[in-house]
């Protein structure tokens, strides 16, 4: 299968591309390289053939010959959405719909969309499944809801879009992000000895390792079309729903000499949700999600040690997406639409 992987140079894409290629697929990336020079020294990146192109500019002719699109490219979290709601809607929603229409017109049959469990917003202690009402609390999560709705409308006999509602990612990638909860907690512990929790620790989060996210995308690519057409799947495992304070305790145990510190206002985070993953398990019985948060914390701690991660590096713009984009804007490398002023 010939696959276009948008956002191949990002946090998930840097892991997903090699995994899809190892499964025997012909992978071509698409990215604008906003996070070039942001590599974690101890994590090796594997290059794939790539189109240096903004996802907003993709046209049907550029997709001819592809069998599938795996769409990861996006402004990737709530802080970025707050930074520019307009651009978040343009890049995360409008460009997703435009890309899917171009893919359908070009004869691409499969479209795997990287969505998010954050769309559930807030829930009771009962785990929510795919039938639960959407309660997006941020521009980012709203962009995912609207994209999913549009993809369902585009589904047809020759076009099978599927939305993978990923749990919160963690784990080592060549393009590390420390603006993800477990990566962040291990980073604070490693660089300061303090596991800094910025809420009261009660919010629930489902977690999934970046490698397991890629495995789920592969399963969605290889499943029969009728199984996935127009469907949405929560991606994760029931046992990997955690309260943030539980994650803090895990990190305190993994990083020797560290201790939990409640460093924020102590207010609860309104974003709190437990997620049910039974549909994923039923639909893809051979899909094996291998990682736990504890194993991921151990992996991260080892990678941070191997990279010699310092507090200065951790707190810089290198591994935090919002800081990075602000830096590029302030230097004049990007214009206000987040396009390069000069070719990447």
Foldseek 3Di string as FASTA:
>chain_A
DEEEEEPLVAFLNQQLQVVLVVVPYQYEYEELPLQPVLFQPLADGDDHHYDNDQLQPDALVVQAPGQEYEYDDAPPDQVVCVVPVVLRLVRLAVSLLRNLVSCVVNQHAEYEYEAAPLQCQADPPDADFPVDDGDHPGSNNVSRVNNLVSQLVVFDPRHAYAYEHEFFEFADGRQAALVTQLSVQLLCCLAPLEREDAALQAAKTAYAYSNLVSLLSVLSVPDPRVLGGSYYFYRHAQVRIDGSVVSNVLSPVQRPNHHYDHDHPHHHDSRHHHHDGVSSCVSCVPRDRDDHSNVRSNNSNVSCVVSVPHPCSVPACSRHPVNSQVVCVVVVQADPSRHGPDRD
